Amino acid sequence: MSHTPINPATGLPMTGDGYGGVDVGGSPYGIDIHTHHNPWISTDFGCMSDGF
């Protein structure tokens, strides 16, 4: 029985080289390239505007 590794960051099955490859969404193992963590954007500031 063959086991398909799952990327823990995305929950998607891995393709190609398994743990050394990418998942079906294109993310490397342990990484989700589709989540954007921008430290300069926060919802804590209330209303955001282009005040520049």
C-alpha atoms as a PDB file:
ATOM      1  CA  MET A   1       0.000   0.000   0.000  1.00  0.00           C
ATOM      2  CA  SER A   2       1.445   3.342  -1.044  1.00  0.00           C
ATOM      3  CA  HIS A   3       1.269   6.390   1.218  1.00  0.00           C
ATOM      4  CA  THR A   4       0.968   9.889  -0.255  1.00  0.00           C
ATOM      5  CA  PRO A   5       2.558  12.483   2.044  1.00  0.00           C
ATOM      6  CA  ILE A   6       0.419  15.485   2.984  1.00  0.00           C
ATOM      7  CA  ASN A   7       1.821  19.017   3.286  1.00  0.00           C
ATOM      8  CA  PRO A   8       1.009  19.961   6.908  1.00  0.00           C
ATOM      9  CA  ALA A   9       0.888  23.675   6.032  1.00  0.00           C
ATOM     10  CA  THR A  10      -1.772  23.302   3.343  1.00  0.00           C
ATOM     11  CA  GLY A  11      -3.368  19.900   3.883  1.00  0.00           C
ATOM     12  CA  LEU A  12      -2.771  19.092   0.211  1.00  0.00           C
ATOM     13  CA  PRO A  13      -1.125  15.893  -1.077  1.00  0.00           C
ATOM     14  CA  MET A  14       2.500  16.076  -2.134  1.00  0.00           C
ATOM     15  CA  THR A  15       3.558  15.336  -5.708  1.00  0.00           C
ATOM     16  CA  GLY A  16       6.839  14.354  -7.303  1.00  0.00           C
ATOM     17  CA  ASP A  17       9.560  13.776  -4.719  1.00  0.00           C
ATOM     18  CA  GLY A  18       7.189  13.494  -1.746  1.00  0.00           C
ATOM     19  CA  TYR A  19       8.573  15.308   1.273  1.00  0.00           C
ATOM     20  CA  GLY A  20      11.266  16.965  -0.848  1.00  0.00           C
ATOM     21  CA  GLY A  21       8.872  18.138  -3.552  1.00  0.00           C
ATOM     22  CA  VAL A  22       5.837  20.373  -3.740  1.00  0.00           C
ATOM     23  CA  ASP A  23       2.140  19.811  -3.081  1.00  0.00           C
ATOM     24  CA  VAL A  24      -0.562  19.900  -5.751  1.00  0.00           C
ATOM     25  CA  GLY A  25      -0.975  23.644  -5.084  1.00  0.00           C
ATOM     26  CA  GLY A  26       2.719  24.367  -5.715  1.00  0.00           C
ATOM     27  CA  SER A  27       3.820  24.869  -2.084  1.00  0.00           C
ATOM     28  CA  PRO A  28       7.017  23.206  -0.793  1.00  0.00           C
ATOM     29  CA  TYR A  29       6.623  20.777   2.121  1.00  0.00           C
ATOM     30  CA  GLY A  30       5.803  22.639   5.342  1.00  0.00           C
ATOM     31  CA  ILE A  31       5.093  25.955   3.590  1.00  0.00           C
ATOM     32  CA  ASP A  32       1.902  27.559   2.257  1.00  0.00           C
ATOM     33  CA  ILE A  33       2.868  30.005  -0.492  1.00  0.00           C
ATOM     34  CA  HIS A  34      -0.724  31.210  -0.766  1.00  0.00           C
ATOM     35  CA  THR A  35      -0.879  32.836   2.667  1.00  0.00           C
ATOM     36  CA  HIS A  36       0.485  36.337   2.730  1.00  0.00           C
ATOM     37  CA  HIS A  37       1.956  37.523   5.999  1.00  0.00           C
ATOM     38  CA  ASN A  38       2.724  41.210   5.607  1.00  0.00           C
ATOM     39  CA  PRO A  39       3.903  42.761   8.884  1.00  0.00           C
ATOM     40  CA  TRP A  40       2.989  46.238   7.618  1.00  0.00           C
ATOM     41  CA  ILE A  41      -0.722  45.416   7.250  1.00  0.00           C
ATOM     42  CA  SER A  42      -2.812  44.953  10.363  1.00  0.00           C
ATOM     43  CA  THR A  43      -6.531  44.936  11.035  1.00  0.00           C
ATOM     44  CA  ASP A  44      -5.859  46.447  14.499  1.00  0.00           C
ATOM     45  CA  PHE A  45      -5.711  49.980  13.103  1.00  0.00           C
ATOM     46  CA  GLY A  46      -9.405  50.208  12.221  1.00  0.00           C
ATOM     47  CA  CYS A  47      -9.946  52.275   9.072  1.00  0.00           C
ATOM     48  CA  MET A  48      -6.944  52.220   6.753  1.00  0.00           C
ATOM     49  CA  SER A  49      -6.471  54.946   4.167  1.00  0.00           C
ATOM     50  CA  ASP A  50      -3.806  56.183   1.786  1.00  0.00           C
ATOM     51  CA  GLY A  51      -2.693  59.141   3.851  1.00  0.00           C
ATOM     52  CA  PHE A  52       0.557  59.623   1.969  1.00  0.00           C
END
